[in-house]
Protein backbone atom coordinates (compact mmCIF):
# COMPACT_ATOMS: atom_id res chain seq x y z
CA MET A 1 22.39 -20.41 -98.01
CA SER A 2 22.93 -16.64 -98.26
CA GLY A 3 21.25 -14.48 -101.06
CA SER A 4 24.68 -13.68 -102.61
CA TYR A 5 25.99 -17.08 -102.48
CA LYS A 6 22.63 -18.39 -103.64
CA ARG A 7 22.92 -16.04 -106.36
CA ALA A 8 26.58 -16.65 -107.88
CA ALA A 9 25.52 -20.09 -107.66
CA MET A 10 22.76 -19.20 -109.95
CA ARG A 11 24.94 -18.04 -111.87
CA ARG A 12 27.22 -20.75 -112.50
CA ILE A 13 24.53 -22.96 -113.08
CA GLY A 14 22.84 -21.07 -115.45
CA LYS A 15 26.60 -20.56 -117.35
CA ALA A 16 26.73 -24.12 -117.03
CA ARG A 17 23.53 -24.92 -118.86
CA LYS A 18 24.01 -22.42 -121.23
CA SER A 19 27.74 -23.92 -122.46
CA MET A 20 25.96 -27.23 -122.71
CA SER A 21 23.25 -26.20 -124.60
CA ARG A 22 25.15 -24.46 -127.35
CA PHE A 23 27.46 -27.70 -127.20
CA LYS A 24 24.51 -29.77 -128.31
CA MET A 25 23.23 -27.33 -130.80
CA ASN A 26 26.99 -27.30 -132.54
CA LEU A 27 26.97 -31.28 -132.25
CA PHE A 28 23.33 -31.25 -133.66
CA PHE A 29 24.62 -28.97 -136.70
CA SER A 30 27.94 -30.87 -137.39
CA SER A 31 25.79 -33.72 -137.77
CA VAL A 32 23.25 -32.10 -139.81
CA LEU A 33 26.29 -31.01 -142.15
CA VAL A 34 27.71 -34.48 -142.35
CA LEU A 35 24.47 -35.65 -143.16
CA ALA A 36 23.92 -33.38 -145.78
CA ALA A 37 27.44 -34.09 -147.45
CA SER A 38 26.54 -37.68 -147.99
CA CYS A 39 22.67 -37.59 -148.50
CA GLY A 40 22.30 -34.24 -150.50
CA GLY A 41 21.01 -30.69 -150.25
CA GLU A 42 17.29 -31.88 -149.65
CA LYS A 43 17.75 -33.56 -146.76
CA THR A 44 20.15 -30.99 -145.12
CA VAL A 45 17.52 -28.34 -145.65
CA GLU A 46 14.78 -30.56 -143.84
CA LYS A 47 17.49 -31.43 -140.65
CA ALA A 48 18.11 -27.65 -140.86
CA GLU A 49 14.54 -27.00 -140.78
CA MET A 50 14.27 -29.21 -137.60
CA ALA A 51 16.63 -27.76 -135.73
CA SER A 52 15.18 -24.59 -135.87
CA GLU A 53 11.93 -25.93 -134.47
CA LYS A 54 10.94 -24.61 -130.98
CA ILE A 55 11.08 -26.10 -128.00
CA VAL A 56 7.86 -26.69 -126.10
CA PHE A 57 7.50 -26.25 -122.57
CA ASN A 58 4.79 -27.27 -120.34
CA THR A 59 3.52 -25.37 -117.61
CA ALA A 60 1.66 -25.32 -114.48
CA GLN A 61 1.09 -23.22 -111.45
CA ALA A 62 2.60 -23.36 -107.99
CA VAL A 63 -0.92 -24.05 -106.06
CA VAL A 64 -1.42 -22.82 -102.61
CA ARG A 65 -3.85 -25.21 -100.01
CA ASP A 66 -4.83 -25.50 -96.58
CA ILE A 67 -3.63 -28.64 -94.53
CA PRO A 68 -3.55 -29.37 -91.46
CA GLY A 69 -0.35 -28.35 -89.31
CA SER A 70 2.39 -30.99 -88.21
CA PHE A 71 5.53 -31.35 -87.17
CA GLN A 72 8.34 -34.32 -87.49
CA ALA A 73 9.46 -36.89 -84.99
CA SER A 74 11.27 -39.98 -85.09
CA GLY A 75 11.08 -43.03 -82.81
CA SER A 76 11.04 -46.77 -82.74
CA PHE A 77 7.97 -49.42 -82.26
CA VAL A 78 7.60 -51.91 -79.46
CA ALA A 79 5.25 -54.62 -79.18
CA GLU A 80 1.80 -53.63 -77.23
CA GLU A 81 2.54 -56.47 -74.92
CA ILE A 82 5.58 -58.61 -74.33
CA SER A 83 5.67 -62.00 -71.51
CA ASP A 84 8.50 -64.02 -70.58
CA ILE A 85 6.19 -66.97 -69.35
CA THR A 86 6.77 -68.65 -66.37
CA PRO A 87 5.40 -71.61 -65.13
CA ALA A 88 3.32 -71.89 -61.57
CA VAL A 89 4.77 -74.87 -60.37
CA GLY A 90 8.29 -76.63 -60.67
CA GLY A 91 8.62 -79.77 -63.13
CA ARG A 92 9.98 -81.61 -66.01
CA VAL A 93 9.40 -80.49 -69.85
CA GLU A 94 7.07 -83.78 -71.06
CA ALA A 95 6.51 -81.69 -74.23
CA THR A 96 6.90 -78.16 -76.04
CA PRO A 97 4.65 -78.23 -78.87
CA VAL A 98 5.39 -75.00 -80.37
CA ASP A 99 8.39 -73.34 -81.84
CA VAL A 100 10.03 -69.82 -82.11
CA GLY A 101 7.85 -67.83 -84.59
CA ASP A 102 4.50 -69.72 -84.43
CA PHE A 103 1.43 -67.79 -83.87
CA VAL A 104 -0.41 -68.77 -80.60
CA THR A 105 -3.86 -67.99 -79.16
CA LYS A 106 -4.86 -66.96 -75.86
CA GLY A 107 -4.76 -70.41 -73.35
CA GLN A 108 -2.95 -72.57 -76.01
CA ILE A 109 -0.41 -75.08 -74.55
CA ILE A 110 3.24 -73.75 -75.27
CA CYS A 111 4.97 -76.29 -72.32
CA GLN A 112 3.51 -79.47 -71.06
CA LEU A 113 5.59 -80.49 -67.64
CA GLU A 114 4.98 -83.66 -66.26
CA LYS A 115 1.74 -84.15 -64.45
CA ARG A 116 1.86 -88.12 -62.60
CA ASP A 117 3.05 -86.33 -59.06
CA ALA A 118 0.25 -83.49 -59.72
CA GLU A 119 -2.56 -86.28 -60.07
CA LEU A 120 -1.45 -88.27 -57.33
CA ARG A 121 -1.77 -85.17 -54.91
CA LEU A 122 -5.16 -84.43 -56.45
CA ASP A 123 -6.51 -88.03 -55.82
CA GLN A 124 -5.06 -87.90 -52.25
CA SER A 125 -6.87 -84.34 -51.72
CA ARG A 126 -10.01 -85.85 -53.27
CA ALA A 127 -9.89 -88.89 -51.00
CA ALA A 128 -9.41 -86.44 -48.02
CA LEU A 129 -12.56 -84.06 -48.75
CA GLU A 130 -14.58 -87.19 -48.84
CA GLN A 131 -13.36 -88.17 -45.36
CA ALA A 132 -14.13 -84.90 -44.32
CA LYS A 133 -17.63 -85.14 -45.55
CA PHE A 134 -18.33 -88.12 -43.59
CA MET A 135 -17.14 -86.90 -40.16
CA LEU A 136 -19.40 -83.96 -40.73
CA SER A 137 -22.52 -86.11 -41.57
CA GLN A 138 -21.38 -88.08 -38.69
CA ALA A 139 -21.47 -84.78 -36.66
CA GLU A 140 -24.66 -83.39 -37.48
CA SER A 141 -26.74 -86.70 -37.42
CA ARG A 142 -25.88 -86.78 -33.58
CA LEU A 143 -27.36 -83.28 -33.17
CA GLY A 144 -30.27 -84.32 -35.61
CA LEU A 145 -29.09 -81.65 -38.10
CA ARG A 146 -29.76 -81.65 -41.65
CA ALA A 147 -27.01 -81.14 -43.99
CA GLY A 148 -26.51 -77.24 -44.23
CA ALA A 149 -29.33 -76.05 -41.89
CA GLU A 150 -28.83 -73.71 -38.86
CA PHE A 151 -28.19 -75.49 -35.38
CA ASN A 152 -30.29 -74.29 -32.91
CA PRO A 153 -29.43 -76.22 -29.54
CA GLU A 154 -33.24 -76.68 -28.38
CA ASN A 155 -33.96 -78.76 -31.39
CA VAL A 156 -31.59 -81.25 -30.35
CA PRO A 157 -33.75 -84.22 -29.62
CA GLU A 158 -32.16 -85.11 -25.70
CA VAL A 159 -32.34 -81.60 -25.11
CA LEU A 160 -36.22 -81.52 -26.23
CA ALA A 161 -36.95 -84.90 -23.64
CA SER A 162 -35.07 -83.23 -21.34
CA ARG A 163 -37.11 -79.89 -21.38
CA ALA A 164 -40.26 -82.07 -21.40
CA ALA A 165 -39.39 -83.55 -18.37
CA TYR A 166 -38.59 -80.46 -16.69
CA GLU A 167 -41.69 -79.03 -17.66
CA ALA A 168 -43.76 -81.87 -16.39
CA ALA A 169 -41.55 -81.76 -13.06
CA THR A 170 -42.50 -78.15 -12.97
CA ALA A 171 -46.04 -78.50 -13.22
CA SER A 172 -46.26 -81.35 -10.73
CA ALA A 173 -44.23 -79.10 -8.47
CA ARG A 174 -46.50 -76.24 -8.80
CA LEU A 175 -49.68 -78.58 -7.95
CA ALA A 176 -47.60 -80.30 -4.90
CA VAL A 177 -46.91 -76.63 -3.53
CA ALA A 178 -50.90 -75.52 -4.18
CA ASP A 179 -51.85 -78.67 -2.36
CA ALA A 180 -49.51 -78.18 0.45
CA GLY A 181 -50.86 -74.88 1.09
CA ARG A 182 -54.31 -76.15 1.06
CA TYR A 183 -53.44 -78.51 3.79
CA GLU A 184 -51.86 -75.78 5.72
CA ASN A 185 -55.03 -73.76 5.80
CA LEU A 186 -57.64 -76.88 6.85
CA ILE A 187 -55.13 -77.86 9.35
CA LYS A 188 -55.67 -74.65 11.16
CA SER A 189 -59.53 -75.06 10.87
CA GLY A 190 -59.06 -78.74 12.24
CA ASP A 191 -60.56 -80.12 8.83
CA VAL A 192 -57.51 -82.29 8.10
CA SER A 193 -55.56 -84.49 10.52
CA GLN A 194 -51.67 -83.60 11.34
CA SER A 195 -50.24 -86.69 9.33
CA ALA A 196 -52.47 -85.35 6.14
CA PHE A 197 -50.78 -82.08 6.46
CA GLU A 198 -47.41 -83.68 6.69
CA ARG A 199 -47.93 -85.93 3.67
CA ALA A 200 -48.51 -82.93 1.54
CA ARG A 201 -45.97 -81.09 2.84
CA THR A 202 -43.39 -83.93 1.83
CA GLN A 203 -44.99 -84.47 -1.67
CA ARG A 204 -44.38 -80.49 -2.22
CA GLU A 205 -40.63 -81.12 -0.97
CA THR A 206 -40.31 -83.90 -3.34
CA ALA A 207 -41.95 -82.40 -6.17
CA GLU A 208 -40.04 -79.39 -5.94
CA ALA A 209 -36.73 -81.38 -5.34
CA ALA A 210 -37.85 -83.17 -8.86
CA ALA A 211 -38.39 -79.92 -10.71
CA ASP A 212 -35.02 -79.06 -10.13
CA SER A 213 -33.03 -82.34 -10.62
CA ALA A 214 -35.33 -82.11 -14.13
CA ARG A 215 -34.28 -78.41 -14.34
CA LYS A 216 -30.45 -79.52 -13.90
CA GLN A 217 -30.66 -82.10 -16.38
CA TYR A 218 -32.05 -80.21 -19.28
CA GLU A 219 -29.45 -77.52 -18.78
CA THR A 220 -26.70 -80.02 -18.71
CA GLN A 221 -28.07 -81.29 -21.70
CA LEU A 222 -28.09 -77.71 -23.61
CA ASN A 223 -24.57 -77.57 -22.31
CA PHE A 224 -23.75 -80.54 -23.94
CA ALA A 225 -25.85 -79.88 -27.36
CA ARG A 226 -23.48 -76.92 -27.78
CA GLN A 227 -20.46 -78.59 -26.88
CA SER A 228 -21.33 -81.07 -29.47
CA PHE A 229 -22.44 -78.90 -32.08
CA GLY A 230 -18.46 -77.06 -31.50
CA ALA A 231 -17.62 -80.59 -33.35
CA VAL A 232 -19.72 -80.04 -36.07
CA GLU A 233 -18.46 -76.79 -36.73
CA ALA A 234 -14.97 -77.96 -36.72
CA ALA A 235 -16.07 -80.72 -38.85
CA ARG A 236 -17.18 -77.95 -41.16
CA ALA A 237 -14.25 -75.94 -40.75
CA ALA A 238 -11.90 -79.14 -41.91
CA LEU A 239 -14.35 -79.72 -44.44
CA ALA A 240 -13.86 -76.26 -46.12
CA ALA A 241 -9.85 -77.13 -45.90
CA ALA A 242 -10.35 -80.15 -47.36
CA GLU A 243 -12.20 -78.47 -50.30
CA SER A 244 -9.42 -75.93 -50.81
CA GLN A 245 -6.48 -78.61 -50.66
CA LEU A 246 -8.48 -80.16 -53.30
CA GLY A 247 -8.86 -76.71 -55.27
CA MET A 248 -4.97 -76.26 -55.02
CA ALA A 249 -4.69 -79.59 -56.18
CA GLN A 250 -6.76 -79.24 -59.10
CA LYS A 251 -4.85 -75.96 -59.89
CA ASN A 252 -1.33 -77.46 -59.16
CA LEU A 253 -2.27 -80.27 -62.03
CA GLU A 254 -3.94 -77.38 -64.53
CA ASP A 255 -0.39 -75.33 -64.00
CA THR A 256 1.74 -78.30 -65.63
CA SER A 257 0.02 -76.88 -68.87
CA VAL A 258 1.86 -73.35 -69.51
CA ARG A 259 -0.19 -71.87 -71.67
CA ALA A 260 -0.36 -68.28 -73.31
CA PRO A 261 -1.79 -64.96 -71.31
CA PHE A 262 -2.56 -63.96 -74.88
CA ASP A 263 -2.66 -63.84 -78.68
CA GLY A 264 0.59 -63.54 -80.36
CA TYR A 265 4.22 -64.77 -81.90
CA ILE A 266 6.70 -67.00 -79.82
CA THR A 267 10.10 -65.09 -79.81
CA ALA A 268 12.00 -67.52 -77.22
CA ARG A 269 11.52 -70.82 -76.28
CA PRO A 270 14.51 -71.78 -74.30
CA SER A 271 12.75 -74.88 -72.37
CA SER A 272 13.65 -78.19 -73.87
CA VAL A 273 12.03 -81.78 -73.20
CA GLY A 274 13.33 -83.52 -70.00
CA GLN A 275 14.82 -79.93 -68.89
CA TRP A 276 13.71 -79.23 -65.47
CA ILE A 277 12.27 -75.64 -64.73
CA GLY A 278 11.45 -74.00 -61.72
CA VAL A 279 8.97 -71.93 -60.30
CA GLY A 280 9.69 -68.24 -61.92
CA GLY A 281 11.55 -70.06 -64.60
CA ASN A 282 11.32 -69.27 -68.63
CA ALA A 283 9.46 -71.44 -70.76
CA ALA A 284 9.26 -68.94 -73.45
CA THR A 285 8.65 -65.68 -74.36
CA ILE A 286 5.35 -63.91 -76.35
CA VAL A 287 5.01 -60.74 -78.11
CA SER A 288 1.59 -59.46 -79.07
CA ILE A 289 1.67 -57.32 -82.17
CA SER A 290 -1.88 -56.65 -83.17
CA THR A 291 -1.33 -53.26 -82.14
CA VAL A 292 2.00 -51.56 -81.77
CA LYS A 293 3.25 -48.79 -79.91
CA LEU A 294 5.32 -45.91 -81.24
CA GLN A 295 7.61 -44.61 -78.54
CA LEU A 296 8.57 -41.04 -80.08
CA GLN A 297 11.32 -38.27 -78.97
CA ILE A 298 9.41 -35.11 -79.02
CA PRO A 299 11.64 -31.27 -78.53
CA GLU A 300 10.27 -29.39 -75.76
CA HIS A 301 8.99 -26.59 -77.88
CA GLN A 302 6.28 -28.83 -79.09
CA ALA A 303 5.18 -29.17 -75.41
CA ALA A 304 2.19 -26.96 -75.52
CA MET A 305 0.82 -28.44 -78.73
CA THR A 306 1.23 -32.22 -78.15
CA LYS A 307 -2.12 -33.51 -76.54
CA ASN A 308 -3.45 -37.33 -76.24
CA GLY A 309 -5.86 -38.01 -79.24
CA MET A 310 -3.70 -36.32 -81.81
CA GLU A 311 -3.60 -38.51 -85.17
CA VAL A 312 0.42 -40.00 -86.31
CA THR A 313 1.53 -40.92 -89.11
CA ALA A 314 4.59 -42.97 -89.63
CA ARG A 315 6.89 -44.57 -92.21
CA VAL A 316 9.28 -47.49 -91.99
CA ALA A 317 12.01 -48.42 -94.08
CA ALA A 318 10.31 -51.84 -95.34
CA TRP A 319 7.17 -50.15 -96.25
CA ALA A 320 9.15 -46.92 -97.50
CA ASP A 321 5.69 -45.47 -99.79
CA ARG A 322 3.24 -46.26 -97.32
CA ASP A 323 1.51 -44.16 -94.46
CA PHE A 324 0.91 -45.97 -91.25
CA THR A 325 -1.63 -44.11 -89.14
CA GLY A 326 -2.48 -44.38 -85.25
CA ARG A 327 -3.21 -42.08 -82.38
CA LEU A 328 -1.23 -40.85 -79.51
CA ILE A 329 -2.47 -42.57 -75.98
CA ALA A 330 0.48 -41.04 -73.81
CA VAL A 331 2.35 -37.84 -73.17
CA VAL A 332 5.16 -37.89 -70.62
CA PRO A 333 4.63 -34.98 -68.41
CA SER A 334 8.78 -34.49 -67.94
CA VAL A 335 11.36 -33.29 -70.24
CA SER A 336 14.61 -34.92 -70.36
CA VAL A 337 17.22 -32.84 -68.99
CA ASN A 338 20.02 -34.56 -71.25
CA SER A 339 17.99 -34.34 -74.48
CA ARG A 340 15.62 -31.41 -73.80
CA ALA A 341 12.73 -33.92 -75.18
CA PHE A 342 9.48 -35.60 -73.95
CA MET A 343 8.59 -39.45 -74.50
CA THR A 344 5.25 -40.13 -76.16
CA GLU A 345 3.60 -43.10 -77.51
CA ALA A 346 0.99 -43.63 -80.50
CA ARG A 347 -1.13 -46.87 -80.83
CA PHE A 348 -1.02 -48.31 -84.50
CA ASP A 349 -3.82 -51.26 -85.45
CA ASN A 350 -1.01 -54.14 -87.05
CA PRO A 351 -3.91 -56.66 -88.15
CA GLY A 352 -1.21 -57.60 -90.64
CA GLY A 353 1.67 -57.73 -88.95
CA GLU A 354 3.57 -55.36 -91.21
CA LEU A 355 4.81 -53.35 -88.14
CA ARG A 356 7.31 -55.21 -86.32
CA PRO A 357 8.88 -54.15 -82.73
CA GLY A 358 12.32 -52.59 -83.13
CA MET A 359 11.66 -51.08 -86.37
CA TYR A 360 12.74 -47.17 -86.77
CA ALA A 361 10.05 -44.46 -87.86
CA THR A 362 9.98 -41.37 -89.41
CA SER A 363 6.32 -39.58 -88.08
CA ARG A 364 4.57 -36.17 -88.55
CA VAL A 365 2.01 -35.16 -85.52
CA ILE A 366 -0.83 -34.00 -87.19
CA LEU A 367 -2.04 -30.67 -85.12
CA ASP A 368 -5.29 -29.46 -85.02
CA GLU A 369 -4.16 -26.00 -86.67
CA MET A 370 -4.56 -25.08 -90.46
CA ILE A 371 -1.81 -23.94 -92.45
CA LYS A 372 -0.82 -22.66 -95.81
CA ALA A 373 1.39 -25.41 -97.99
CA VAL A 374 2.79 -24.80 -101.25
CA TYR A 375 2.35 -28.23 -104.03
CA VAL A 376 3.87 -28.38 -107.41
CA PRO A 377 3.53 -31.26 -109.99
CA THR A 378 6.35 -33.60 -109.10
CA THR A 379 7.94 -33.35 -112.57
CA ALA A 380 8.68 -29.25 -111.99
CA VAL A 381 11.23 -30.31 -109.42
CA PHE A 382 14.53 -31.72 -110.59
CA TYR A 383 17.82 -32.64 -108.21
CA ASP A 384 21.09 -30.90 -109.22
CA ASN A 385 24.42 -32.68 -108.26
CA THR A 386 26.09 -29.56 -108.94
CA THR A 387 24.57 -27.30 -105.93
CA ASP A 388 23.33 -31.01 -103.79
CA ALA A 389 19.61 -29.52 -103.95
CA ASN A 390 16.38 -29.24 -105.54
CA HIS A 391 15.34 -26.88 -108.04
CA VAL A 392 12.09 -25.36 -109.83
CA TYR A 393 12.39 -23.77 -113.20
CA THR A 394 9.86 -20.61 -112.75
CA SER A 395 8.94 -18.71 -116.31
CA VAL A 396 8.66 -14.62 -115.66
CA ASN A 397 7.52 -12.56 -118.42
CA GLY A 398 9.16 -15.32 -120.62
CA ILE A 399 12.29 -16.03 -118.67
CA ALA A 400 13.31 -18.83 -116.86
CA ARG A 401 14.19 -18.74 -113.49
CA LEU A 402 15.93 -20.90 -111.42
CA ASN A 403 14.83 -21.72 -107.86
CA VAL A 404 16.67 -23.61 -105.41
CA VAL A 405 13.94 -25.48 -103.10
CA GLN A 406 13.52 -27.81 -100.23
CA ILE A 407 10.59 -30.39 -100.90
CA GLY A 408 8.34 -32.25 -98.39
CA ASP A 409 6.12 -34.99 -98.54
CA ALA A 410 4.59 -36.12 -102.37
CA GLN A 411 0.50 -36.68 -102.58
CA GLY A 412 -0.22 -38.45 -105.98
CA THR A 413 1.32 -36.16 -108.38
CA GLU A 414 2.19 -33.52 -106.68
CA ILE A 415 4.45 -32.89 -104.04
CA ARG A 416 5.36 -30.26 -101.12
CA ILE A 417 7.58 -26.93 -101.52
CA LEU A 418 8.63 -26.21 -97.76
CA SER A 419 10.50 -23.31 -98.74
CA GLY A 420 11.67 -21.75 -102.17
CA LEU A 421 8.38 -21.01 -103.96
CA LYS A 422 5.53 -18.66 -102.36
CA GLY A 423 2.50 -20.08 -104.58
CA GLY A 424 1.04 -18.71 -107.51
CA GLU A 425 4.11 -18.97 -109.97
CA THR A 426 4.56 -20.47 -113.25
CA VAL A 427 6.53 -23.52 -113.09
CA ILE A 428 8.28 -25.28 -115.84
CA LEU A 429 7.33 -29.08 -116.20
CA ASN A 430 9.44 -30.39 -118.62
CA ASN A 431 12.81 -30.25 -120.98
CA GLN A 432 14.70 -28.45 -117.86
CA ALA A 433 18.06 -29.93 -119.21
CA ASP A 434 17.66 -27.07 -122.11
CA LEU A 435 17.23 -24.49 -119.77
CA TYR A 436 19.39 -22.17 -117.73
CA ASP A 437 18.65 -19.01 -115.24
CA GLY A 438 18.07 -16.10 -117.60
CA ALA A 439 16.98 -18.60 -120.94
CA ALA A 440 13.95 -17.13 -123.39
CA VAL A 441 11.35 -19.71 -122.47
CA ASN A 442 8.24 -18.29 -124.85
């Protein structure tokens, strides 16, 4: 509003209020004269005295306070978590123990699928596991292994026996070699006969052949033990596969009970008893609102002062007189080329569930810096339909002055004046209808 327009509007308001005030006084005196005519002169004097009584105006000072700086933003609340719950296995719906609007806790069953097929597969997997355990036990017992013991082919009974035989044959061969050597020296000196020498040599050759045969037998048993342990390893692998199959069967049985992934409210439940739901089908939709997020569009010129952790106060239509408090948790770094604004998110604790996803909110982002703010009692402010604006009368040297003001948030019995007053003015708190710009208020 320009200065000349504002002054002209003020003069019109003042004249209108002055005319209205004179009209009220004339009407009052006319009433007094009528009453005087009917009730006598003494009462006329009393009414005249009442009419001449001076109107009392209460006043207060417009005060200036340091408050945290802030700027306004608007946006909508969204759920902290929302999930379409899908079964991990397909099946026919057997029961739907919850309905839309129900509160459910994490792990609670929200849809039960038929489980007969899963139970049969579980029984089959348990039988396969027992068979795999038996096969492993048989393979280990053939090698003399204890359950879970580390394999060493030298400890296999057959290998131990063949090794002992090989060591005995080797010892006999060494003895025969020594005897044959001794007989060879004796025959040169003529102390033994040729036949004795031949016999000793034959015994050496026989012992050496027996030792070589024992060695081959030992190596054969060792290789066989290693090959037999391959069967043990295969049995162990089969047991691990059977255990895995059992685990999958158990999980498939558990998955027939579709459970809530977190605490929340059911907002949709499209599944019905008898319906077939495949993997990925929607059994229900759940939202968590114990905490909610407010998505705000903030103008780009506020980017430098917007940071994570700042306090945010918000109001919604359902709770018009209540401030909800949260904090910024995310500031999107990019600015939209269309709106010239950037997105932020603030998280609000919502234990009572008053804030609902989709609610529109007007909010204030509280800055770290302090600013000067003017406050007056709420009774000092009145709305005028003529100018479609809020006004405050101030008393200046005993004269009423009309001020057009822009108001902010109320705090208790006081309201903030965003423009129109500078602070320190004397404001009039009552009987504003009897005033006009320029009226005496002494």
